[in-house]
Amino acid sequence: MQDVGKNIARLRRERDMTQVELAEKLMVSYQAVSSWERGLTMPDVSKLPEISQILKVSIDELLGNSKQAEMVKHVLKQGSGVFSTQEPQLGHQLGQIAEIAPALKPSQLDDLVETARKNIRHIDIDGLYELAPYMEQHVIDQLAQQIAEVDGIDIDELCELAEYLSKEALVELAEKAKDAGDVENLCSIAPYLSKETLGQLALKVANIDDIENLCYLAPYISLEVLQQLALRALENDCDIDELASLTSYLSKKQMSELVIKAFGKQ
């Protein structure tokens, strides 16, 4: 949006045209033009040919990106109908769709993403991060599931998508995660998962080297799992003094067992 805004501002000035004059020609408010030029919003995709004509440039030059321009032309050509699977420019990554998403209507974006989903074997998860704010939740669920089936998905990757996924999809993907990541990552999605699912994932964490971090997980896992994680942390030579941080969560018996274990290592 910022790049397109800078291009519009530069081209407008080169034509010795005010924001008000450009707005009048486009039949929009000058506030809209100002918002475009500051990179806060994007012109609707249907306005791009008109803007290009007024500023006497191609859509490619206006957008400053040939791949974006090809997608825009495709959207303009196809409207909001079903996209042709034969279009060569649809062999793009989701991140490229995200670059023009602010200019697309929901129906146009849905069609473009659906075609990409059907025709791209490898969906880039980084592209999904960028596109997620513009899509419906059920579409994000489908794309994340497709990524998980092809490449697998890690907990740290789910953390980036958690706020956009449905609870059902997040739980299903978390259970299939190929890598549990670390305690910090688990903490970020803990509120979305059941105690059982979170406990199973927590026990998969390869290296627990900070007992205090377990305090963030404590409200979301069983006491038995918490004790096992604390024991593992002690085996990794964590500071014994940190055991005090768990007294609010574990029973006296469980704490006694941890203390005996800790001092037995000294």
C-alpha atoms as a PDB file:
ATOM      1  CA  MET A   1       0.000   0.000   0.000  1.00  0.00           C
ATOM      2  CA  GLN A   2       2.825   2.370   0.814  1.00  0.00           C
ATOM      3  CA  ASP A   3       4.573   1.729  -2.513  1.00  0.00           C
ATOM      4  CA  VAL A   4       1.377   2.260  -4.498  1.00  0.00           C
ATOM      5  CA  GLY A   5       0.614   5.377  -2.484  1.00  0.00           C
ATOM      6  CA  LYS A   6       4.054   6.824  -3.202  1.00  0.00           C
ATOM      7  CA  ASN A   7       3.615   6.092  -6.898  1.00  0.00           C
ATOM      8  CA  ILE A   8       0.237   7.829  -7.022  1.00  0.00           C
ATOM      9  CA  ALA A   9       1.610  10.854  -5.186  1.00  0.00           C
ATOM     10  CA  ARG A  10       4.684  11.068  -7.447  1.00  0.00           C
ATOM     11  CA  LEU A  11       2.707  10.693 -10.661  1.00  0.00           C
ATOM     12  CA  ARG A  12       0.088  13.196  -9.523  1.00  0.00           C
ATOM     13  CA  ARG A  13       2.756  15.793  -8.770  1.00  0.00           C
ATOM     14  CA  GLU A  14       4.436  15.122 -12.119  1.00  0.00           C
ATOM     15  CA  ARG A  15       1.095  15.997 -13.744  1.00  0.00           C
ATOM     16  CA  ASP A  16       0.918  19.187 -11.629  1.00  0.00           C
ATOM     17  CA  MET A  17      -2.386  17.993 -10.199  1.00  0.00           C
ATOM     18  CA  THR A  18      -3.775  18.537  -6.702  1.00  0.00           C
ATOM     19  CA  GLN A  19      -5.334  15.802  -4.596  1.00  0.00           C
ATOM     20  CA  VAL A  20      -8.675  17.556  -4.990  1.00  0.00           C
ATOM     21  CA  GLU A  21      -8.370  17.579  -8.801  1.00  0.00           C
ATOM     22  CA  LEU A  22      -7.482  13.900  -8.929  1.00  0.00           C
ATOM     23  CA  ALA A  23     -10.340  13.116  -6.536  1.00  0.00           C
ATOM     24  CA  GLU A  24     -12.831  15.022  -8.710  1.00  0.00           C
ATOM     25  CA  LYS A  25     -11.770  13.146 -11.839  1.00  0.00           C
ATOM     26  CA  LEU A  26     -12.154   9.826 -10.018  1.00  0.00           C
ATOM     27  CA  MET A  27     -15.386  10.901  -8.289  1.00  0.00           C
ATOM     28  CA  VAL A  28     -14.022  10.129  -4.841  1.00  0.00           C
ATOM     29  CA  SER A  29     -13.244  12.358  -1.860  1.00  0.00           C
ATOM     30  CA  TYR A  30      -9.862  14.059  -1.622  1.00  0.00           C
ATOM     31  CA  GLN A  31      -9.551  12.342   1.779  1.00  0.00           C
ATOM     32  CA  ALA A  32      -9.581   9.012  -0.068  1.00  0.00           C
ATOM     33  CA  VAL A  33      -6.746  10.169  -2.347  1.00  0.00           C
ATOM     34  CA  SER A  34      -4.821  11.421   0.676  1.00  0.00           C
ATOM     35  CA  SER A  35      -5.285   8.059   2.384  1.00  0.00           C
ATOM     36  CA  TRP A  36      -3.965   6.243  -0.700  1.00  0.00           C
ATOM     37  CA  GLU A  37      -0.908   8.474  -0.939  1.00  0.00           C
ATOM     38  CA  ARG A  38      -0.072   7.988   2.731  1.00  0.00           C
ATOM     39  CA  GLY A  39      -0.236   4.216   2.287  1.00  0.00           C
ATOM     40  CA  LEU A  40      -3.129   3.799   4.723  1.00  0.00           C
ATOM     41  CA  THR A  41      -5.536   2.299   2.183  1.00  0.00           C
ATOM     42  CA  MET A  42      -5.548   1.054  -1.403  1.00  0.00           C
ATOM     43  CA  PRO A  43      -7.776   2.174  -4.267  1.00  0.00           C
ATOM     44  CA  ASP A  44     -10.408  -0.391  -5.189  1.00  0.00           C
ATOM     45  CA  VAL A  45      -9.085  -2.614  -7.962  1.00  0.00           C
ATOM     46  CA  SER A  46     -11.838  -1.317 -10.283  1.00  0.00           C
ATOM     47  CA  LYS A  47     -10.378   2.195  -9.932  1.00  0.00           C
ATOM     48  CA  LEU A  48      -6.857   1.259 -11.018  1.00  0.00           C
ATOM     49  CA  PRO A  49      -7.450   1.450 -14.802  1.00  0.00           C
ATOM     50  CA  GLU A  50      -9.064   4.888 -14.385  1.00  0.00           C
ATOM     51  CA  ILE A  51      -6.220   6.128 -12.172  1.00  0.00           C
ATOM     52  CA  SER A  52      -3.682   4.813 -14.678  1.00  0.00           C
ATOM     53  CA  GLN A  53      -5.469   6.581 -17.525  1.00  0.00           C
ATOM     54  CA  ILE A  54      -5.664   9.912 -15.690  1.00  0.00           C
ATOM     55  CA  LEU A  55      -2.008   9.739 -14.648  1.00  0.00           C
ATOM     56  CA  LYS A  56      -1.012   8.509 -18.136  1.00  0.00           C
ATOM     57  CA  VAL A  57       0.830   5.355 -17.003  1.00  0.00           C
ATOM     58  CA  SER A  58       0.317   1.627 -17.231  1.00  0.00           C
ATOM     59  CA  ILE A  59      -1.075  -0.408 -14.351  1.00  0.00           C
ATOM     60  CA  ASP A  60       2.361  -2.022 -14.118  1.00  0.00           C
ATOM     61  CA  GLU A  61       3.995   1.343 -13.470  1.00  0.00           C
ATOM     62  CA  LEU A  62       1.252   2.421 -11.100  1.00  0.00           C
ATOM     63  CA  LEU A  63       1.678  -0.676  -8.956  1.00  0.00           C
ATOM     64  CA  GLY A  64       5.433  -0.880  -9.488  1.00  0.00           C
ATOM     65  CA  ASN A  65       5.233  -4.667  -9.668  1.00  0.00           C
ATOM     66  CA  SER A  66       4.579  -6.671 -12.823  1.00  0.00           C
ATOM     67  CA  LYS A  67       3.264  -9.745 -10.969  1.00  0.00           C
ATOM     68  CA  GLN A  68       0.781  -7.630  -9.033  1.00  0.00           C
ATOM     69  CA  ALA A  69      -0.251  -5.952 -12.268  1.00  0.00           C
ATOM     70  CA  GLU A  70      -0.896  -9.311 -13.932  1.00  0.00           C
ATOM     71  CA  MET A  71      -3.120 -10.379 -11.065  1.00  0.00           C
ATOM     72  CA  VAL A  72      -5.019  -7.094 -11.155  1.00  0.00           C
ATOM     73  CA  LYS A  73      -5.573  -7.429 -14.908  1.00  0.00           C
ATOM     74  CA  HIS A  74      -6.782 -10.966 -14.349  1.00  0.00           C
ATOM     75  CA  VAL A  75      -9.256  -9.806 -11.675  1.00  0.00           C
ATOM     76  CA  LEU A  76     -10.513  -7.025 -13.942  1.00  0.00           C
ATOM     77  CA  LYS A  77     -10.897  -9.450 -16.833  1.00  0.00           C
ATOM     78  CA  GLN A  78     -12.700 -12.168 -14.871  1.00  0.00           C
ATOM     79  CA  GLY A  79     -14.722  -9.928 -12.553  1.00  0.00           C
ATOM     80  CA  SER A  80     -15.969 -11.719  -9.458  1.00  0.00           C
ATOM     81  CA  GLY A  81     -16.725 -14.929 -11.331  1.00  0.00           C
ATOM     82  CA  VAL A  82     -14.852 -18.215 -11.223  1.00  0.00           C
ATOM     83  CA  PHE A  83     -11.226 -17.915 -12.331  1.00  0.00           C
ATOM     84  CA  SER A  84      -9.926 -19.914 -15.246  1.00  0.00           C
ATOM     85  CA  THR A  85      -7.444 -22.566 -14.178  1.00  0.00           C
ATOM     86  CA  GLN A  86      -5.609 -22.045 -17.454  1.00  0.00           C
ATOM     87  CA  GLU A  87      -4.422 -18.562 -16.584  1.00  0.00           C
ATOM     88  CA  PRO A  88      -0.597 -18.773 -16.325  1.00  0.00           C
ATOM     89  CA  GLN A  89      -0.337 -15.922 -13.833  1.00  0.00           C
ATOM     90  CA  LEU A  90      -2.112 -17.988 -11.190  1.00  0.00           C
ATOM     91  CA  GLY A  91       1.062 -19.928 -10.457  1.00  0.00           C
ATOM     92  CA  HIS A  92       1.865 -17.414  -7.724  1.00  0.00           C
ATOM     93  CA  GLN A  93       2.370 -17.665  -4.001  1.00  0.00           C
ATOM     94  CA  LEU A  94      -0.207 -16.473  -1.477  1.00  0.00           C
ATOM     95  CA  GLY A  95       2.127 -13.672  -0.428  1.00  0.00           C
ATOM     96  CA  GLN A  96       1.743 -12.116  -3.862  1.00  0.00           C
ATOM     97  CA  ILE A  97      -2.043 -12.214  -3.544  1.00  0.00           C
ATOM     98  CA  ALA A  98      -1.686 -10.539  -0.143  1.00  0.00           C
ATOM     99  CA  GLU A  99       0.061  -7.601  -1.792  1.00  0.00           C
ATOM    100  CA  ILE A 100      -3.073  -6.656  -3.723  1.00  0.00           C
ATOM    101  CA  ALA A 101      -5.617  -7.941  -1.173  1.00  0.00           C
ATOM    102  CA  PRO A 102      -6.420  -4.450   0.198  1.00  0.00           C
ATOM    103  CA  ALA A 103      -7.635  -3.441  -3.268  1.00  0.00           C
ATOM    104  CA  LEU A 104      -9.865  -6.482  -3.799  1.00  0.00           C
ATOM    105  CA  LYS A 105     -13.497  -7.011  -2.950  1.00  0.00           C
ATOM    106  CA  PRO A 106     -14.156 -10.041  -0.724  1.00  0.00           C
ATOM    107  CA  SER A 107     -15.676 -11.978  -3.640  1.00  0.00           C
ATOM    108  CA  GLN A 108     -12.647 -11.239  -5.841  1.00  0.00           C
ATOM    109  CA  LEU A 109     -10.218 -12.261  -3.133  1.00  0.00           C
ATOM    110  CA  ASP A 110     -12.173 -15.458  -2.417  1.00  0.00           C
ATOM    111  CA  ASP A 111     -12.072 -16.456  -6.094  1.00  0.00           C
ATOM    112  CA  LEU A 112      -8.377 -15.733  -6.433  1.00  0.00           C
ATOM    113  CA  VAL A 113      -7.456 -17.644  -3.274  1.00  0.00           C
ATOM    114  CA  GLU A 114      -9.691 -20.596  -4.180  1.00  0.00           C
ATOM    115  CA  THR A 115      -8.039 -20.911  -7.583  1.00  0.00           C
ATOM    116  CA  ALA A 116      -4.607 -20.685  -5.980  1.00  0.00           C
ATOM    117  CA  ARG A 117      -5.573 -23.331  -3.430  1.00  0.00           C
ATOM    118  CA  LYS A 118      -6.587 -25.755  -6.173  1.00  0.00           C
ATOM    119  CA  ASN A 119      -3.662 -25.111  -8.484  1.00  0.00           C
ATOM    120  CA  ILE A 120      -0.631 -24.527  -6.260  1.00  0.00           C
ATOM    121  CA  ARG A 121       0.856 -27.719  -4.897  1.00  0.00           C
ATOM    122  CA  HIS A 122       3.041 -25.950  -2.377  1.00  0.00           C
ATOM    123  CA  ILE A 123       1.384 -23.197  -0.361  1.00  0.00           C
ATOM    124  CA  ASP A 124       3.840 -20.900   1.363  1.00  0.00           C
ATOM    125  CA  ILE A 125       2.885 -20.542   5.022  1.00  0.00           C
ATOM    126  CA  ASP A 126       4.555 -17.121   5.180  1.00  0.00           C
ATOM    127  CA  GLY A 127       2.154 -16.036   2.450  1.00  0.00           C
ATOM    128  CA  LEU A 128      -0.756 -17.347   4.505  1.00  0.00           C
ATOM    129  CA  TYR A 129       0.369 -15.185   7.453  1.00  0.00           C
ATOM    130  CA  GLU A 130       0.250 -12.117   5.226  1.00  0.00           C
ATOM    131  CA  LEU A 131      -3.091 -12.983   3.674  1.00  0.00           C
ATOM    132  CA  ALA A 132      -4.913 -14.144   6.821  1.00  0.00           C
ATOM    133  CA  PRO A 133      -6.163 -10.680   7.915  1.00  0.00           C
ATOM    134  CA  TYR A 134      -8.124 -10.369   4.669  1.00  0.00           C
ATOM    135  CA  MET A 135      -9.777 -13.808   4.530  1.00  0.00           C
ATOM    136  CA  GLU A 136     -12.711 -15.619   6.075  1.00  0.00           C
ATOM    137  CA  GLN A 137     -11.857 -17.973   8.920  1.00  0.00           C
ATOM    138  CA  HIS A 138     -13.058 -21.136   7.167  1.00  0.00           C
ATOM    139  CA  VAL A 139     -10.773 -20.382   4.200  1.00  0.00           C
ATOM    140  CA  ILE A 140      -7.766 -19.937   6.492  1.00  0.00           C
ATOM    141  CA  ASP A 141      -8.670 -23.245   8.155  1.00  0.00           C
ATOM    142  CA  GLN A 142      -8.683 -24.999   4.758  1.00  0.00           C
ATOM    143  CA  LEU A 143      -5.362 -23.517   3.663  1.00  0.00           C
ATOM    144  CA  ALA A 144      -3.682 -24.343   6.969  1.00  0.00           C
ATOM    145  CA  GLN A 145      -4.964 -27.908   6.720  1.00  0.00           C
ATOM    146  CA  GLN A 146      -3.592 -28.140   3.180  1.00  0.00           C
ATOM    147  CA  ILE A 147      -0.182 -26.938   4.362  1.00  0.00           C
ATOM    148  CA  ALA A 148      -0.223 -29.453   7.218  1.00  0.00           C
ATOM    149  CA  GLU A 149      -1.056 -32.328   4.868  1.00  0.00           C
ATOM    150  CA  VAL A 150       1.734 -31.487   2.409  1.00  0.00           C
ATOM    151  CA  ASP A 151       4.554 -30.137   4.569  1.00  0.00           C
ATOM    152  CA  GLY A 152       3.413 -30.700   8.121  1.00  0.00           C
ATOM    153  CA  ILE A 153       3.092 -27.811  10.530  1.00  0.00           C
ATOM    154  CA  ASP A 154       4.896 -26.834  13.729  1.00  0.00           C
ATOM    155  CA  ILE A 155       3.559 -25.246  16.891  1.00  0.00           C
ATOM    156  CA  ASP A 156       5.602 -22.103  16.285  1.00  0.00           C
ATOM    157  CA  GLU A 157       3.892 -21.759  12.882  1.00  0.00           C
ATOM    158  CA  LEU A 158       0.476 -22.249  14.479  1.00  0.00           C
ATOM    159  CA  CYS A 159       1.254 -19.474  16.946  1.00  0.00           C
ATOM    160  CA  GLU A 160       1.360 -17.010  14.038  1.00  0.00           C
ATOM    161  CA  LEU A 161      -2.048 -18.174  12.791  1.00  0.00           C
ATOM    162  CA  ALA A 162      -3.829 -18.842  16.095  1.00  0.00           C
ATOM    163  CA  GLU A 163      -5.877 -15.643  16.149  1.00  0.00           C
ATOM    164  CA  TYR A 164      -7.201 -16.320  12.630  1.00  0.00           C
ATOM    165  CA  LEU A 165      -8.011 -20.043  12.936  1.00  0.00           C
ATOM    166  CA  SER A 166     -11.200 -21.549  14.330  1.00  0.00           C
ATOM    167  CA  LYS A 167     -10.755 -23.283  17.670  1.00  0.00           C
ATOM    168  CA  GLU A 168     -11.606 -26.636  16.070  1.00  0.00           C
ATOM    169  CA  ALA A 169      -8.963 -26.236  13.354  1.00  0.00           C
ATOM    170  CA  LEU A 170      -6.336 -25.043  15.822  1.00  0.00           C
ATOM    171  CA  VAL A 171      -6.895 -28.036  18.079  1.00  0.00           C
ATOM    172  CA  GLU A 172      -6.779 -30.488  15.153  1.00  0.00           C
ATOM    173  CA  LEU A 173      -3.607 -28.935  13.749  1.00  0.00           C
ATOM    174  CA  ALA A 174      -1.961 -28.784  17.166  1.00  0.00           C
ATOM    175  CA  GLU A 175      -2.586 -32.497  17.674  1.00  0.00           C
ATOM    176  CA  LYS A 176      -0.917 -33.201  14.325  1.00  0.00           C
ATOM    177  CA  ALA A 177       2.019 -30.853  14.911  1.00  0.00           C
ATOM    178  CA  LYS A 178       5.323 -32.420  13.920  1.00  0.00           C
ATOM    179  CA  ASP A 179       7.263 -30.266  16.372  1.00  0.00           C
ATOM    180  CA  ALA A 180       6.022 -29.052  19.754  1.00  0.00           C
ATOM    181  CA  GLY A 181       8.420 -26.101  19.679  1.00  0.00           C
ATOM    182  CA  ASP A 182       9.199 -24.693  23.100  1.00  0.00           C
ATOM    183  CA  VAL A 183       7.318 -23.715  26.242  1.00  0.00           C
ATOM    184  CA  GLU A 184       7.064 -20.094  25.168  1.00  0.00           C
ATOM    185  CA  ASN A 185       5.271 -21.061  21.958  1.00  0.00           C
ATOM    186  CA  LEU A 186       2.907 -23.355  23.816  1.00  0.00           C
ATOM    187  CA  CYS A 187       2.035 -20.532  26.191  1.00  0.00           C
ATOM    188  CA  SER A 188       0.793 -18.391  23.305  1.00  0.00           C
ATOM    189  CA  ILE A 189      -1.792 -20.964  22.189  1.00  0.00           C
ATOM    190  CA  ALA A 190      -2.559 -22.482  25.603  1.00  0.00           C
ATOM    191  CA  PRO A 191      -5.898 -20.640  26.018  1.00  0.00           C
ATOM    192  CA  TYR A 192      -7.213 -22.280  22.841  1.00  0.00           C
ATOM    193  CA  LEU A 193      -6.401 -25.908  23.725  1.00  0.00           C
ATOM    194  CA  SER A 194      -7.809 -28.467  26.128  1.00  0.00           C
ATOM    195  CA  LYS A 195      -5.714 -29.500  29.120  1.00  0.00           C
ATOM    196  CA  GLU A 196      -5.261 -32.932  27.617  1.00  0.00           C
ATOM    197  CA  THR A 197      -4.063 -31.685  24.228  1.00  0.00           C
ATOM    198  CA  LEU A 198      -1.787 -29.067  25.750  1.00  0.00           C
ATOM    199  CA  GLY A 199      -0.385 -31.561  28.221  1.00  0.00           C
ATOM    200  CA  GLN A 200       0.480 -34.009  25.445  1.00  0.00           C
ATOM    201  CA  LEU A 201       2.229 -31.267  23.503  1.00  0.00           C
ATOM    202  CA  ALA A 202       4.083 -29.985  26.541  1.00  0.00           C
ATOM    203  CA  LEU A 203       5.518 -33.438  27.194  1.00  0.00           C
ATOM    204  CA  LYS A 204       6.903 -33.424  23.636  1.00  0.00           C
ATOM    205  CA  VAL A 205       8.988 -30.304  24.257  1.00  0.00           C
ATOM    206  CA  ALA A 206      12.559 -31.418  23.811  1.00  0.00           C
ATOM    207  CA  ASN A 207      14.336 -29.013  26.105  1.00  0.00           C
ATOM    208  CA  ILE A 208      12.906 -27.308  29.191  1.00  0.00           C
ATOM    209  CA  ASP A 209      15.570 -25.139  30.738  1.00  0.00           C
ATOM    210  CA  ASP A 210      13.574 -22.576  32.718  1.00  0.00           C
ATOM    211  CA  ILE A 211      11.189 -23.582  35.510  1.00  0.00           C
ATOM    212  CA  GLU A 212       9.722 -20.095  35.738  1.00  0.00           C
ATOM    213  CA  ASN A 213       8.401 -20.441  32.189  1.00  0.00           C
ATOM    214  CA  LEU A 214       6.280 -23.344  33.394  1.00  0.00           C
ATOM    215  CA  CYS A 215       4.272 -20.917  35.519  1.00  0.00           C
ATOM    216  CA  TYR A 216       2.701 -19.518  32.359  1.00  0.00           C
ATOM    217  CA  LEU A 217       1.544 -23.005  31.359  1.00  0.00           C
ATOM    218  CA  ALA A 218       0.487 -24.067  34.845  1.00  0.00           C
ATOM    219  CA  PRO A 219      -3.149 -22.834  34.706  1.00  0.00           C
ATOM    220  CA  TYR A 220      -3.737 -24.744  31.462  1.00  0.00           C
ATOM    221  CA  ILE A 221      -2.221 -28.181  32.212  1.00  0.00           C
ATOM    222  CA  SER A 222      -2.801 -30.861  34.831  1.00  0.00           C
ATOM    223  CA  LEU A 223      -0.700 -30.875  37.985  1.00  0.00           C
ATOM    224  CA  GLU A 224       0.722 -34.259  37.028  1.00  0.00           C
ATOM    225  CA  VAL A 225       2.028 -32.914  33.725  1.00  0.00           C
ATOM    226  CA  LEU A 226       3.358 -29.799  35.451  1.00  0.00           C
ATOM    227  CA  GLN A 227       5.300 -31.950  37.898  1.00  0.00           C
ATOM    228  CA  GLN A 228       6.757 -34.063  35.070  1.00  0.00           C
ATOM    229  CA  LEU A 229       7.871 -30.921  33.242  1.00  0.00           C
ATOM    230  CA  ALA A 230       9.447 -29.538  36.414  1.00  0.00           C
ATOM    231  CA  LEU A 231      11.334 -32.803  36.937  1.00  0.00           C
ATOM    232  CA  ARG A 232      12.603 -32.620  33.384  1.00  0.00           C
ATOM    233  CA  ALA A 233      13.733 -29.042  33.954  1.00  0.00           C
ATOM    234  CA  LEU A 234      15.685 -30.155  37.009  1.00  0.00           C
ATOM    235  CA  GLU A 235      17.333 -32.865  34.937  1.00  0.00           C
ATOM    236  CA  ASN A 236      18.478 -30.066  32.652  1.00  0.00           C
ATOM    237  CA  ASP A 237      20.215 -28.410  35.638  1.00  0.00           C
ATOM    238  CA  CYS A 238      17.726 -25.594  36.151  1.00  0.00           C
ATOM    239  CA  ASP A 239      18.196 -23.346  39.155  1.00  0.00           C
ATOM    240  CA  ILE A 240      16.756 -25.040  42.254  1.00  0.00           C
ATOM    241  CA  ASP A 241      15.660 -21.664  43.645  1.00  0.00           C
ATOM    242  CA  GLU A 242      13.171 -21.405  40.788  1.00  0.00           C
ATOM    243  CA  LEU A 243      11.139 -24.249  42.300  1.00  0.00           C
ATOM    244  CA  ALA A 244       9.546 -21.701  44.610  1.00  0.00           C
ATOM    245  CA  SER A 245       7.631 -20.269  41.662  1.00  0.00           C
ATOM    246  CA  LEU A 246       5.605 -23.502  41.436  1.00  0.00           C
ATOM    247  CA  THR A 247       4.363 -23.572  45.041  1.00  0.00           C
ATOM    248  CA  SER A 248       1.111 -21.880  44.034  1.00  0.00           C
ATOM    249  CA  TYR A 249       0.249 -24.704  41.665  1.00  0.00           C
ATOM    250  CA  LEU A 250       1.617 -27.982  43.070  1.00  0.00           C
ATOM    251  CA  SER A 251       0.616 -29.872  46.200  1.00  0.00           C
ATOM    252  CA  LYS A 252       2.950 -30.168  49.169  1.00  0.00           C
ATOM    253  CA  LYS A 253       3.597 -33.791  48.255  1.00  0.00           C
ATOM    254  CA  GLN A 254       4.515 -32.900  44.701  1.00  0.00           C
ATOM    255  CA  MET A 255       6.767 -30.062  45.839  1.00  0.00           C
ATOM    256  CA  SER A 256       8.482 -32.349  48.346  1.00  0.00           C
ATOM    257  CA  GLU A 257       9.234 -34.863  45.585  1.00  0.00           C
ATOM    258  CA  LEU A 258      10.719 -32.080  43.444  1.00  0.00           C
ATOM    259  CA  VAL A 259      12.870 -30.774  46.276  1.00  0.00           C
ATOM    260  CA  ILE A 260      14.168 -34.278  47.073  1.00  0.00           C
ATOM    261  CA  LYS A 261      14.957 -34.756  43.396  1.00  0.00           C
ATOM    262  CA  ALA A 262      16.698 -31.379  43.218  1.00  0.00           C
ATOM    263  CA  PHE A 263      18.889 -31.936  46.235  1.00  0.00           C
ATOM    264  CA  GLY A 264      19.602 -35.495  45.202  1.00  0.00           C
ATOM    265  CA  LYS A 265      21.335 -34.104  42.123  1.00  0.00           C
ATOM    266  CA  GLN A 266      23.677 -31.930  44.164  1.00  0.00           C
END
